[in-house]
Amino acid sequence: MSPSLPVPVGARLPAKGADLVGFQTAYYDRHFRQSVSRILAYESLPKGIQVEGPITPVGTGGEAEKDWRESAEGKKTKEKGRFIDVGVFPMVNDINSLREKQCNLEVKSWVQLLRQCHAGMELMVEGDKLDEIHWICHKIEAFEHLLQTNPEFHGKVVLIQVALQTTEFNELAGGVSDIVAPINAAFSTLSYQPFVFLHL
């Protein structure tokens, strides 16, 4: 990630009234606070950003800045500033729950079946909800790229994607299947299928 922040994005956070900004990793959190500090000259603190004085959408220009100025001047309002929390909120698996499920007889039988079906192959097992947050489609495309650029992996590696249902399950599952079908068509043999898509 480059050490810059699109000014309209950073400038509009305080202008739109955001009081919390969350990131997946500490690196993104730190990068965001540093960028806001450098570009917008807001004070960056370990837990967030201190915004002082009237909050203008600095440098956005055009209609957004004009609208803000008219609104603020018309109402004679001056915001005194506030603190915007910035935090890390990773989406992780519950390891203890996974360990308990690993001891389940049904799970053990599934694991044994998968090992038998794919004997001698490296298995990559992924479990995700079918939503845009987990970028399943990007993962599948990366796996396809792996197979295209590394022919030595053909017949030796299998990606098993376990998809957990969401409210938009059918529509999203259809989109994933559209990406998976050409990969399996291109790389499958009579005894090998590189991508296994399980719906739970």
N, C-alpha and C. Protein backbone atom coordinates (compact mmCIF):
# COMPACT_ATOMS: atom_id res chain seq x y z
N MET A 1 0.84 -1.17 0.00
CA MET A 1 0.00 0.00 0.00
C MET A 1 0.89 1.24 0.00
N SER A 2 0.57 2.18 -0.85
CA SER A 2 1.42 3.37 -0.92
C SER A 2 1.14 4.29 0.25
N PRO A 3 2.15 5.06 0.67
CA PRO A 3 1.97 5.92 1.83
C PRO A 3 1.19 7.18 1.48
N SER A 4 0.02 7.03 0.96
CA SER A 4 -0.82 8.18 0.66
C SER A 4 -2.27 7.80 0.87
N LEU A 5 -3.10 8.79 1.00
CA LEU A 5 -4.51 8.58 1.24
C LEU A 5 -5.26 9.49 0.29
N PRO A 6 -6.21 8.98 -0.47
CA PRO A 6 -6.97 9.88 -1.32
C PRO A 6 -7.62 10.95 -0.46
N VAL A 7 -7.29 12.19 -0.71
CA VAL A 7 -7.74 13.28 0.16
C VAL A 7 -9.25 13.33 0.30
N PRO A 8 -10.04 13.16 -0.78
CA PRO A 8 -11.48 13.21 -0.58
C PRO A 8 -11.98 12.19 0.42
N VAL A 9 -11.39 10.98 0.43
CA VAL A 9 -11.82 9.95 1.38
C VAL A 9 -11.52 10.39 2.80
N GLY A 10 -10.27 10.76 3.08
CA GLY A 10 -9.90 11.16 4.42
C GLY A 10 -10.60 12.41 4.88
N ALA A 11 -10.79 13.35 3.97
CA ALA A 11 -11.39 14.63 4.34
C ALA A 11 -12.87 14.49 4.64
N ARG A 12 -13.55 13.57 3.98
CA ARG A 12 -14.99 13.46 4.17
C ARG A 12 -15.37 12.70 5.42
N LEU A 13 -14.44 11.91 5.99
CA LEU A 13 -14.78 11.16 7.20
C LEU A 13 -15.27 12.08 8.30
N PRO A 14 -14.48 13.10 8.70
CA PRO A 14 -14.98 13.97 9.74
C PRO A 14 -16.15 14.82 9.27
N ALA A 15 -16.15 15.21 8.00
CA ALA A 15 -17.22 16.06 7.50
C ALA A 15 -18.55 15.32 7.50
N LYS A 16 -18.51 14.02 7.29
CA LYS A 16 -19.74 13.23 7.25
C LYS A 16 -20.16 12.76 8.64
N GLY A 17 -19.38 13.06 9.66
CA GLY A 17 -19.77 12.72 11.02
C GLY A 17 -19.31 11.36 11.51
N ALA A 18 -18.33 10.75 10.84
CA ALA A 18 -17.83 9.45 11.27
C ALA A 18 -17.20 9.58 12.66
N ASP A 19 -17.47 8.63 13.55
CA ASP A 19 -16.84 8.65 14.86
C ASP A 19 -16.03 7.38 15.10
N LEU A 20 -16.04 6.45 14.12
CA LEU A 20 -15.26 5.22 14.24
C LEU A 20 -14.87 4.75 12.84
N VAL A 21 -13.58 4.41 12.70
CA VAL A 21 -13.08 3.86 11.45
C VAL A 21 -12.37 2.56 11.81
N GLY A 22 -12.71 1.45 11.14
CA GLY A 22 -12.12 0.17 11.48
C GLY A 22 -11.34 -0.44 10.34
N PHE A 23 -10.30 -1.21 10.70
CA PHE A 23 -9.45 -1.88 9.72
C PHE A 23 -9.22 -3.32 10.12
N GLN A 24 -8.83 -4.13 9.13
CA GLN A 24 -8.59 -5.55 9.34
C GLN A 24 -7.28 -5.81 10.08
N THR A 25 -6.25 -4.98 9.84
CA THR A 25 -4.94 -5.21 10.45
C THR A 25 -4.42 -3.94 11.10
N ALA A 26 -3.47 -4.11 12.02
CA ALA A 26 -2.84 -2.98 12.69
C ALA A 26 -2.05 -2.14 11.69
N TYR A 27 -1.49 -2.80 10.66
CA TYR A 27 -0.73 -2.07 9.65
C TYR A 27 -1.62 -1.05 8.94
N TYR A 28 -2.83 -1.46 8.53
CA TYR A 28 -3.74 -0.54 7.84
C TYR A 28 -4.20 0.57 8.78
N ASP A 29 -4.44 0.23 10.04
CA ASP A 29 -4.82 1.23 11.04
C ASP A 29 -3.73 2.31 11.14
N ARG A 30 -2.49 1.87 11.35
CA ARG A 30 -1.36 2.79 11.50
C ARG A 30 -1.15 3.63 10.22
N HIS A 31 -1.24 2.96 9.08
CA HIS A 31 -1.05 3.66 7.80
C HIS A 31 -2.10 4.75 7.62
N PHE A 32 -3.34 4.44 7.96
CA PHE A 32 -4.42 5.41 7.82
C PHE A 32 -4.18 6.63 8.72
N ARG A 33 -3.84 6.37 10.00
CA ARG A 33 -3.62 7.48 10.92
C ARG A 33 -2.44 8.34 10.47
N GLN A 34 -1.36 7.72 9.99
CA GLN A 34 -0.21 8.48 9.51
C GLN A 34 -0.56 9.30 8.29
N SER A 35 -1.32 8.74 7.38
CA SER A 35 -1.71 9.45 6.17
C SER A 35 -2.61 10.64 6.48
N VAL A 36 -3.57 10.44 7.36
CA VAL A 36 -4.46 11.53 7.75
C VAL A 36 -3.65 12.64 8.43
N SER A 37 -2.70 12.25 9.25
CA SER A 37 -1.85 13.24 9.93
C SER A 37 -1.03 14.04 8.92
N ARG A 38 -0.40 13.36 7.97
CA ARG A 38 0.45 14.04 6.99
C ARG A 38 -0.35 14.88 6.00
N ILE A 39 -1.41 14.30 5.47
CA ILE A 39 -2.13 14.96 4.39
C ILE A 39 -3.11 16.01 4.89
N LEU A 40 -3.84 15.69 5.97
CA LEU A 40 -4.88 16.60 6.45
C LEU A 40 -4.46 17.40 7.67
N ALA A 41 -3.28 17.11 8.20
CA ALA A 41 -2.74 17.82 9.36
C ALA A 41 -3.61 17.67 10.61
N TYR A 42 -4.31 16.52 10.74
CA TYR A 42 -5.03 16.22 11.97
C TYR A 42 -4.08 15.52 12.91
N GLU A 43 -4.30 15.68 14.21
CA GLU A 43 -3.44 15.04 15.19
C GLU A 43 -3.78 13.55 15.27
N SER A 44 -2.75 12.72 15.06
CA SER A 44 -2.92 11.28 15.10
C SER A 44 -2.46 10.76 16.46
N LEU A 45 -3.34 10.04 17.14
CA LEU A 45 -3.05 9.47 18.44
C LEU A 45 -3.15 7.95 18.34
N PRO A 46 -2.61 7.20 19.31
CA PRO A 46 -2.64 5.74 19.22
C PRO A 46 -4.04 5.14 19.03
N LYS A 47 -5.07 5.79 19.55
CA LYS A 47 -6.42 5.24 19.46
C LYS A 47 -7.30 5.92 18.42
N GLY A 48 -6.75 6.92 17.73
CA GLY A 48 -7.59 7.60 16.74
C GLY A 48 -7.02 8.92 16.27
N ILE A 49 -7.93 9.79 15.84
CA ILE A 49 -7.55 11.08 15.25
C ILE A 49 -8.31 12.18 15.98
N GLN A 50 -7.57 13.22 16.36
CA GLN A 50 -8.21 14.39 16.99
C GLN A 50 -8.41 15.44 15.92
N VAL A 51 -9.66 15.78 15.69
CA VAL A 51 -10.00 16.79 14.69
C VAL A 51 -10.37 18.06 15.43
N GLU A 52 -9.62 19.12 15.17
CA GLU A 52 -9.84 20.39 15.88
C GLU A 52 -10.48 21.42 14.97
N GLY A 53 -11.20 22.34 15.57
CA GLY A 53 -11.73 23.49 14.83
C GLY A 53 -12.82 23.12 13.85
N PRO A 54 -13.20 24.09 13.01
CA PRO A 54 -14.23 23.81 12.01
C PRO A 54 -13.75 22.70 11.08
N ILE A 55 -14.59 21.76 10.83
CA ILE A 55 -14.20 20.61 10.02
C ILE A 55 -14.65 20.85 8.59
N THR A 56 -13.70 21.19 7.74
CA THR A 56 -13.97 21.45 6.34
C THR A 56 -13.50 20.27 5.52
N PRO A 57 -14.21 19.90 4.46
CA PRO A 57 -13.70 18.85 3.59
C PRO A 57 -12.50 19.37 2.80
N VAL A 58 -11.37 19.46 3.45
CA VAL A 58 -10.17 20.08 2.92
C VAL A 58 -9.76 19.47 1.59
N GLY A 59 -9.56 20.32 0.61
CA GLY A 59 -8.99 19.89 -0.66
C GLY A 59 -9.91 19.08 -1.54
N THR A 60 -11.17 18.88 -1.15
CA THR A 60 -12.04 18.10 -2.02
C THR A 60 -12.44 18.92 -3.23
N GLY A 61 -12.53 20.24 -3.03
CA GLY A 61 -12.86 21.12 -4.14
C GLY A 61 -14.26 20.84 -4.67
N GLY A 62 -14.60 21.52 -5.72
CA GLY A 62 -15.86 21.27 -6.42
C GLY A 62 -17.08 21.47 -5.55
N GLU A 63 -18.12 20.73 -5.90
CA GLU A 63 -19.43 20.88 -5.27
C GLU A 63 -19.43 20.53 -3.78
N ALA A 64 -18.66 19.49 -3.39
CA ALA A 64 -18.67 19.06 -1.99
C ALA A 64 -18.19 20.19 -1.08
N GLU A 65 -17.08 20.81 -1.45
CA GLU A 65 -16.55 21.90 -0.62
C GLU A 65 -17.48 23.10 -0.66
N LYS A 66 -18.02 23.43 -1.83
CA LYS A 66 -18.94 24.56 -1.96
C LYS A 66 -20.18 24.34 -1.10
N ASP A 67 -20.75 23.12 -1.19
CA ASP A 67 -21.94 22.79 -0.39
C ASP A 67 -21.66 22.94 1.10
N TRP A 68 -20.48 22.45 1.53
CA TRP A 68 -20.16 22.54 2.95
C TRP A 68 -20.05 24.00 3.37
N ARG A 69 -19.32 24.79 2.58
CA ARG A 69 -19.14 26.20 2.93
C ARG A 69 -20.47 26.93 3.00
N GLU A 70 -21.35 26.70 2.03
CA GLU A 70 -22.66 27.36 2.04
C GLU A 70 -23.46 26.94 3.26
N SER A 71 -23.44 25.64 3.56
CA SER A 71 -24.19 25.13 4.69
C SER A 71 -23.66 25.70 6.00
N ALA A 72 -22.35 25.67 6.19
CA ALA A 72 -21.75 26.14 7.44
C ALA A 72 -21.92 27.64 7.61
N GLU A 73 -21.69 28.37 6.54
CA GLU A 73 -21.81 29.82 6.63
C GLU A 73 -23.27 30.24 6.75
N GLY A 74 -24.14 29.53 6.02
CA GLY A 74 -25.56 29.88 6.07
C GLY A 74 -26.14 29.68 7.45
N LYS A 75 -25.74 28.63 8.12
CA LYS A 75 -26.28 28.33 9.45
C LYS A 75 -25.46 28.96 10.56
N LYS A 76 -24.34 29.55 10.18
CA LYS A 76 -23.42 30.17 11.17
C LYS A 76 -22.98 29.16 12.21
N THR A 77 -22.74 27.94 11.77
CA THR A 77 -22.30 26.90 12.71
C THR A 77 -20.81 26.71 12.60
N LYS A 78 -20.19 26.47 13.73
CA LYS A 78 -18.77 26.15 13.77
C LYS A 78 -18.57 24.97 14.68
N GLU A 79 -18.15 23.88 14.10
CA GLU A 79 -17.89 22.69 14.89
C GLU A 79 -16.56 22.86 15.60
N LYS A 80 -16.52 22.48 16.86
CA LYS A 80 -15.31 22.67 17.67
C LYS A 80 -14.34 21.51 17.57
N GLY A 81 -14.67 20.52 16.83
CA GLY A 81 -13.77 19.37 16.69
C GLY A 81 -14.22 18.21 17.55
N ARG A 82 -13.63 17.08 17.27
CA ARG A 82 -13.98 15.88 18.03
C ARG A 82 -12.92 14.81 17.82
N PHE A 83 -13.08 13.70 18.53
CA PHE A 83 -12.16 12.58 18.41
C PHE A 83 -12.81 11.49 17.57
N ILE A 84 -12.08 10.98 16.59
CA ILE A 84 -12.55 9.88 15.75
C ILE A 84 -11.74 8.64 16.12
N ASP A 85 -12.41 7.63 16.66
CA ASP A 85 -11.72 6.39 17.03
C ASP A 85 -11.30 5.64 15.77
N VAL A 86 -10.08 5.10 15.81
CA VAL A 86 -9.58 4.24 14.73
C VAL A 86 -9.13 2.94 15.39
N GLY A 87 -9.65 1.81 14.92
CA GLY A 87 -9.33 0.55 15.57
C GLY A 87 -9.14 -0.60 14.62
N VAL A 88 -8.68 -1.71 15.17
CA VAL A 88 -8.46 -2.93 14.41
C VAL A 88 -9.56 -3.91 14.80
N PHE A 89 -10.31 -4.38 13.80
CA PHE A 89 -11.40 -5.31 14.03
C PHE A 89 -11.28 -6.50 13.06
N PRO A 90 -10.31 -7.39 13.32
CA PRO A 90 -10.11 -8.50 12.38
C PRO A 90 -11.26 -9.49 12.42
N MET A 91 -11.51 -10.08 11.27
CA MET A 91 -12.52 -11.14 11.19
C MET A 91 -11.76 -12.45 11.29
N VAL A 92 -11.89 -13.14 12.42
CA VAL A 92 -11.09 -14.34 12.65
C VAL A 92 -12.00 -15.52 13.00
N ASN A 93 -11.42 -16.71 12.92
CA ASN A 93 -12.13 -17.92 13.31
C ASN A 93 -11.96 -18.15 14.81
N ASP A 94 -12.94 -18.78 15.41
CA ASP A 94 -12.89 -19.15 16.82
C ASP A 94 -12.13 -20.48 16.92
N ILE A 95 -10.85 -20.41 17.28
CA ILE A 95 -9.97 -21.58 17.29
C ILE A 95 -10.48 -22.67 18.24
N ASN A 96 -10.95 -22.28 19.41
CA ASN A 96 -11.45 -23.28 20.37
C ASN A 96 -12.64 -24.05 19.82
N SER A 97 -13.54 -23.33 19.14
CA SER A 97 -14.70 -23.97 18.54
C SER A 97 -14.26 -24.94 17.44
N LEU A 98 -13.27 -24.53 16.64
CA LEU A 98 -12.77 -25.40 15.57
C LEU A 98 -12.14 -26.67 16.15
N ARG A 99 -11.41 -26.54 17.25
CA ARG A 99 -10.79 -27.71 17.88
C ARG A 99 -11.85 -28.69 18.39
N GLU A 100 -12.93 -28.14 18.96
CA GLU A 100 -14.01 -29.00 19.44
C GLU A 100 -14.66 -29.75 18.28
N LYS A 101 -14.90 -29.03 17.17
CA LYS A 101 -15.53 -29.65 16.01
C LYS A 101 -14.62 -30.70 15.37
N GLN A 102 -13.33 -30.51 15.51
CA GLN A 102 -12.36 -31.46 14.95
C GLN A 102 -12.52 -32.84 15.59
N CYS A 103 -12.99 -32.88 16.82
CA CYS A 103 -13.17 -34.15 17.54
C CYS A 103 -14.51 -34.81 17.20
N ASN A 104 -15.39 -34.11 16.52
CA ASN A 104 -16.70 -34.64 16.16
C ASN A 104 -16.54 -35.81 15.19
N LEU A 105 -17.28 -36.90 15.40
CA LEU A 105 -17.15 -38.10 14.56
C LEU A 105 -17.50 -37.82 13.10
N GLU A 106 -18.52 -37.03 12.87
CA GLU A 106 -18.91 -36.71 11.49
C GLU A 106 -17.80 -35.94 10.78
N VAL A 107 -17.19 -34.99 11.49
CA VAL A 107 -16.09 -34.22 10.91
C VAL A 107 -14.91 -35.13 10.63
N LYS A 108 -14.61 -36.03 11.56
CA LYS A 108 -13.49 -36.97 11.35
C LYS A 108 -13.72 -37.84 10.12
N SER A 109 -14.96 -38.27 9.92
CA SER A 109 -15.24 -39.11 8.75
C SER A 109 -15.09 -38.31 7.45
N TRP A 110 -15.49 -37.02 7.47
CA TRP A 110 -15.31 -36.15 6.30
C TRP A 110 -13.83 -35.95 5.99
N VAL A 111 -13.05 -35.73 7.02
CA VAL A 111 -11.61 -35.52 6.84
C VAL A 111 -10.98 -36.78 6.24
N GLN A 112 -11.36 -37.93 6.76
CA GLN A 112 -10.82 -39.19 6.25
C GLN A 112 -11.23 -39.40 4.78
N LEU A 113 -12.47 -39.09 4.46
CA LEU A 113 -12.96 -39.23 3.09
C LEU A 113 -12.18 -38.32 2.13
N LEU A 114 -11.97 -37.06 2.54
CA LEU A 114 -11.22 -36.12 1.70
C LEU A 114 -9.78 -36.58 1.50
N ARG A 115 -9.18 -37.12 2.55
CA ARG A 115 -7.79 -37.62 2.43
C ARG A 115 -7.72 -38.81 1.48
N GLN A 116 -8.73 -39.66 1.52
CA GLN A 116 -8.76 -40.81 0.62
C GLN A 116 -8.97 -40.37 -0.83
N CYS A 117 -9.88 -39.45 -1.03
CA CYS A 117 -10.19 -38.98 -2.39
C CYS A 117 -9.00 -38.26 -3.02
N HIS A 118 -8.23 -37.59 -2.20
CA HIS A 118 -7.13 -36.77 -2.70
C HIS A 118 -5.79 -37.26 -2.16
N ALA A 119 -5.63 -38.57 -2.10
CA ALA A 119 -4.40 -39.16 -1.57
C ALA A 119 -3.19 -38.70 -2.37
N GLY A 120 -2.14 -38.33 -1.66
CA GLY A 120 -0.90 -37.90 -2.29
C GLY A 120 -0.90 -36.46 -2.76
N MET A 121 -1.97 -35.73 -2.50
CA MET A 121 -2.05 -34.32 -2.94
C MET A 121 -2.02 -33.39 -1.74
N GLU A 122 -1.56 -32.18 -2.00
CA GLU A 122 -1.61 -31.12 -0.99
C GLU A 122 -3.02 -30.53 -1.00
N LEU A 123 -3.64 -30.47 0.17
CA LEU A 123 -4.99 -29.92 0.27
C LEU A 123 -4.96 -28.55 0.93
N MET A 124 -5.63 -27.62 0.31
CA MET A 124 -5.85 -26.30 0.92
C MET A 124 -7.34 -26.22 1.19
N VAL A 125 -7.72 -26.18 2.46
CA VAL A 125 -9.13 -26.14 2.82
C VAL A 125 -9.44 -24.75 3.37
N GLU A 126 -10.42 -24.11 2.75
CA GLU A 126 -10.83 -22.76 3.14
C GLU A 126 -12.30 -22.79 3.51
N GLY A 127 -12.66 -22.14 4.57
CA GLY A 127 -14.06 -22.03 4.98
C GLY A 127 -14.43 -20.57 5.13
N ASP A 128 -15.38 -20.12 4.35
CA ASP A 128 -15.78 -18.71 4.38
C ASP A 128 -17.29 -18.60 4.19
N LYS A 129 -17.83 -17.51 4.71
CA LYS A 129 -19.20 -17.15 4.37
C LYS A 129 -19.17 -16.61 2.95
N LEU A 130 -20.23 -16.88 2.23
CA LEU A 130 -20.30 -16.39 0.85
C LEU A 130 -20.77 -14.94 0.88
N ASP A 131 -19.87 -14.06 1.16
CA ASP A 131 -20.19 -12.64 1.07
C ASP A 131 -18.98 -11.92 0.51
N GLU A 132 -19.14 -10.67 0.20
CA GLU A 132 -18.07 -9.94 -0.49
C GLU A 132 -16.89 -9.64 0.42
N ILE A 133 -17.08 -9.70 1.74
CA ILE A 133 -16.00 -9.37 2.66
C ILE A 133 -14.83 -10.33 2.49
N HIS A 134 -15.13 -11.59 2.26
CA HIS A 134 -14.06 -12.59 2.20
C HIS A 134 -13.42 -12.74 0.83
N TRP A 135 -13.94 -12.06 -0.15
CA TRP A 135 -13.31 -12.05 -1.47
C TRP A 135 -13.03 -13.44 -2.00
N ILE A 136 -14.00 -14.33 -1.89
CA ILE A 136 -13.81 -15.70 -2.37
C ILE A 136 -13.42 -15.72 -3.84
N CYS A 137 -14.06 -14.88 -4.63
CA CYS A 137 -13.77 -14.87 -6.08
C CYS A 137 -12.31 -14.51 -6.35
N HIS A 138 -11.77 -13.58 -5.59
CA HIS A 138 -10.36 -13.21 -5.76
C HIS A 138 -9.44 -14.37 -5.38
N LYS A 139 -9.81 -15.10 -4.35
CA LYS A 139 -9.03 -16.26 -3.93
C LYS A 139 -9.01 -17.32 -5.03
N ILE A 140 -10.17 -17.54 -5.64
CA ILE A 140 -10.27 -18.52 -6.71
C ILE A 140 -9.41 -18.11 -7.90
N GLU A 141 -9.47 -16.82 -8.25
CA GLU A 141 -8.66 -16.32 -9.36
C GLU A 141 -7.17 -16.44 -9.06
N ALA A 142 -6.78 -16.23 -7.80
CA ALA A 142 -5.37 -16.40 -7.41
C ALA A 142 -4.96 -17.86 -7.54
N PHE A 143 -5.85 -18.78 -7.18
CA PHE A 143 -5.56 -20.20 -7.32
C PHE A 143 -5.41 -20.58 -8.79
N GLU A 144 -6.27 -20.01 -9.64
CA GLU A 144 -6.15 -20.25 -11.09
C GLU A 144 -4.80 -19.75 -11.60
N HIS A 145 -4.39 -18.57 -11.14
CA HIS A 145 -3.10 -18.02 -11.54
C HIS A 145 -1.95 -18.94 -11.10
N LEU A 146 -2.06 -19.49 -9.90
CA LEU A 146 -1.07 -20.44 -9.40
C LEU A 146 -0.93 -21.63 -10.35
N LEU A 147 -2.07 -22.17 -10.77
CA LEU A 147 -2.04 -23.32 -11.66
C LEU A 147 -1.51 -22.96 -13.05
N GLN A 148 -1.87 -21.76 -13.53
CA GLN A 148 -1.42 -21.34 -14.86
C GLN A 148 0.09 -21.11 -14.89
N THR A 149 0.64 -20.56 -13.84
CA THR A 149 2.06 -20.19 -13.84
C THR A 149 2.98 -21.27 -13.26
N ASN A 150 2.40 -22.31 -12.67
CA ASN A 150 3.20 -23.39 -12.06
C ASN A 150 2.66 -24.74 -12.50
N PRO A 151 2.98 -25.17 -13.72
CA PRO A 151 2.46 -26.45 -14.21
C PRO A 151 2.85 -27.63 -13.34
N GLU A 152 3.93 -27.49 -12.56
CA GLU A 152 4.36 -28.60 -11.70
C GLU A 152 3.35 -28.91 -10.59
N PHE A 153 2.40 -27.99 -10.34
CA PHE A 153 1.38 -28.22 -9.31
C PHE A 153 0.16 -28.96 -9.85
N HIS A 154 0.05 -29.11 -11.17
CA HIS A 154 -1.10 -29.80 -11.75
C HIS A 154 -1.14 -31.23 -11.23
N GLY A 155 -2.28 -31.61 -10.73
CA GLY A 155 -2.44 -32.96 -10.20
C GLY A 155 -1.87 -33.16 -8.82
N LYS A 156 -1.35 -32.08 -8.23
CA LYS A 156 -0.71 -32.22 -6.90
C LYS A 156 -1.32 -31.33 -5.83
N VAL A 157 -2.14 -30.36 -6.21
CA VAL A 157 -2.72 -29.45 -5.22
C VAL A 157 -4.21 -29.28 -5.50
N VAL A 158 -5.00 -29.26 -4.42
CA VAL A 158 -6.45 -29.12 -4.52
C VAL A 158 -6.90 -28.03 -3.54
N LEU A 159 -7.73 -27.14 -4.03
CA LEU A 159 -8.34 -26.13 -3.16
C LEU A 159 -9.77 -26.56 -2.87
N ILE A 160 -10.06 -26.79 -1.61
CA ILE A 160 -11.42 -27.15 -1.19
C ILE A 160 -12.01 -25.93 -0.50
N GLN A 161 -13.00 -25.32 -1.15
CA GLN A 161 -13.65 -24.12 -0.60
C GLN A 161 -14.97 -24.53 0.02
N VAL A 162 -15.07 -24.37 1.33
CA VAL A 162 -16.31 -24.65 2.05
C VAL A 162 -17.03 -23.32 2.19
N ALA A 163 -18.22 -23.23 1.60
CA ALA A 163 -18.98 -21.98 1.60
C ALA A 163 -20.14 -22.10 2.58
N LEU A 164 -20.15 -21.22 3.57
CA LEU A 164 -21.23 -21.19 4.55
C LEU A 164 -22.33 -20.29 4.03
N GLN A 165 -23.57 -20.68 4.27
CA GLN A 165 -24.70 -19.93 3.71
C GLN A 165 -24.83 -18.55 4.32
N THR A 166 -25.26 -17.61 3.48
CA THR A 166 -25.63 -16.27 3.92
C THR A 166 -27.01 -15.99 3.35
N THR A 167 -27.55 -14.81 3.60
CA THR A 167 -28.87 -14.47 3.09
C THR A 167 -28.88 -14.37 1.57
N GLU A 168 -27.73 -14.06 0.97
CA GLU A 168 -27.65 -13.94 -0.49
C GLU A 168 -26.98 -15.18 -1.08
N PHE A 169 -27.11 -16.30 -0.40
CA PHE A 169 -26.33 -17.50 -0.73
C PHE A 169 -26.48 -17.93 -2.19
N ASN A 170 -27.71 -18.10 -2.68
CA ASN A 170 -27.92 -18.65 -4.02
C ASN A 170 -27.32 -17.78 -5.10
N GLU A 171 -27.52 -16.48 -5.00
CA GLU A 171 -26.99 -15.56 -6.01
C GLU A 171 -25.46 -15.57 -6.01
N LEU A 172 -24.85 -15.53 -4.82
CA LEU A 172 -23.39 -15.50 -4.73
C LEU A 172 -22.79 -16.85 -5.10
N ALA A 173 -23.45 -17.93 -4.72
CA ALA A 173 -22.95 -19.27 -5.08
C ALA A 173 -22.92 -19.42 -6.59
N GLY A 174 -23.92 -18.87 -7.27
CA GLY A 174 -23.94 -18.92 -8.73
C GLY A 174 -22.76 -18.19 -9.33
N GLY A 175 -22.40 -17.03 -8.76
CA GLY A 175 -21.24 -16.27 -9.25
C GLY A 175 -19.94 -17.02 -9.05
N VAL A 176 -19.80 -17.69 -7.91
CA VAL A 176 -18.60 -18.46 -7.62
C VAL A 176 -18.52 -19.66 -8.58
N SER A 177 -19.64 -20.33 -8.79
CA SER A 177 -19.65 -21.49 -9.70
C SER A 177 -19.25 -21.09 -11.12
N ASP A 178 -19.63 -19.89 -11.54
CA ASP A 178 -19.25 -19.40 -12.87
C ASP A 178 -17.74 -19.26 -13.01
N ILE A 179 -17.05 -18.93 -11.92
CA ILE A 179 -15.59 -18.78 -11.95
C ILE A 179 -14.91 -20.15 -11.83
N VAL A 180 -15.49 -21.03 -11.01
CA VAL A 180 -14.88 -22.34 -10.75
C VAL A 180 -14.94 -23.26 -11.96
N ALA A 181 -16.06 -23.26 -12.69
CA ALA A 181 -16.26 -24.20 -13.80
C ALA A 181 -15.14 -24.13 -14.85
N PRO A 182 -14.73 -22.93 -15.32
CA PRO A 182 -13.65 -22.90 -16.31
C PRO A 182 -12.31 -23.39 -15.77
N ILE A 183 -12.06 -23.16 -14.48
CA ILE A 183 -10.80 -23.62 -13.88
C ILE A 183 -10.76 -25.14 -13.89
N ASN A 184 -11.83 -25.75 -13.43
CA ASN A 184 -11.89 -27.22 -13.42
C ASN A 184 -11.86 -27.77 -14.84
N ALA A 185 -12.51 -27.08 -15.77
CA ALA A 185 -12.50 -27.54 -17.17
C ALA A 185 -11.09 -27.49 -17.76
N ALA A 186 -10.33 -26.47 -17.38
CA ALA A 186 -8.98 -26.30 -17.95
C ALA A 186 -7.95 -27.23 -17.34
N PHE A 187 -8.08 -27.56 -16.06
CA PHE A 187 -7.01 -28.28 -15.36
C PHE A 187 -7.37 -29.69 -14.90
N SER A 188 -8.63 -30.08 -15.03
CA SER A 188 -9.05 -31.41 -14.53
C SER A 188 -8.59 -32.52 -15.46
N THR A 189 -8.42 -33.70 -14.87
CA THR A 189 -8.16 -34.92 -15.63
C THR A 189 -9.17 -35.94 -15.13
N LEU A 190 -9.08 -37.17 -15.61
CA LEU A 190 -10.00 -38.21 -15.15
C LEU A 190 -9.86 -38.48 -13.65
N SER A 191 -8.66 -38.27 -13.12
CA SER A 191 -8.43 -38.58 -11.70
C SER A 191 -8.14 -37.34 -10.85
N TYR A 192 -8.29 -36.14 -11.43
CA TYR A 192 -7.91 -34.93 -10.69
C TYR A 192 -8.87 -33.78 -10.99
N GLN A 193 -9.34 -33.16 -9.91
CA GLN A 193 -10.15 -31.93 -10.02
C GLN A 193 -9.52 -30.91 -9.08
N PRO A 194 -9.00 -29.80 -9.60
CA PRO A 194 -8.23 -28.88 -8.75
C PRO A 194 -9.06 -28.09 -7.75
N PHE A 195 -10.33 -27.86 -8.05
CA PHE A 195 -11.15 -27.03 -7.16
C PHE A 195 -12.41 -27.78 -6.76
N VAL A 196 -12.63 -27.89 -5.46
CA VAL A 196 -13.82 -28.52 -4.93
C VAL A 196 -14.59 -27.46 -4.15
N PHE A 197 -15.85 -27.25 -4.55
CA PHE A 197 -16.67 -26.21 -3.94
C PHE A 197 -17.80 -26.86 -3.16
N LEU A 198 -17.74 -26.80 -1.83
CA LEU A 198 -18.75 -27.42 -0.97
C LEU A 198 -19.69 -26.37 -0.40
N HIS A 199 -20.98 -26.58 -0.54
CA HIS A 199 -21.99 -25.68 0.03
C HIS A 199 -22.49 -26.27 1.34
N LEU A 200 -22.39 -25.55 2.43
CA LEU A 200 -22.92 -26.05 3.72
C LEU A 200 -24.06 -25.17 4.17
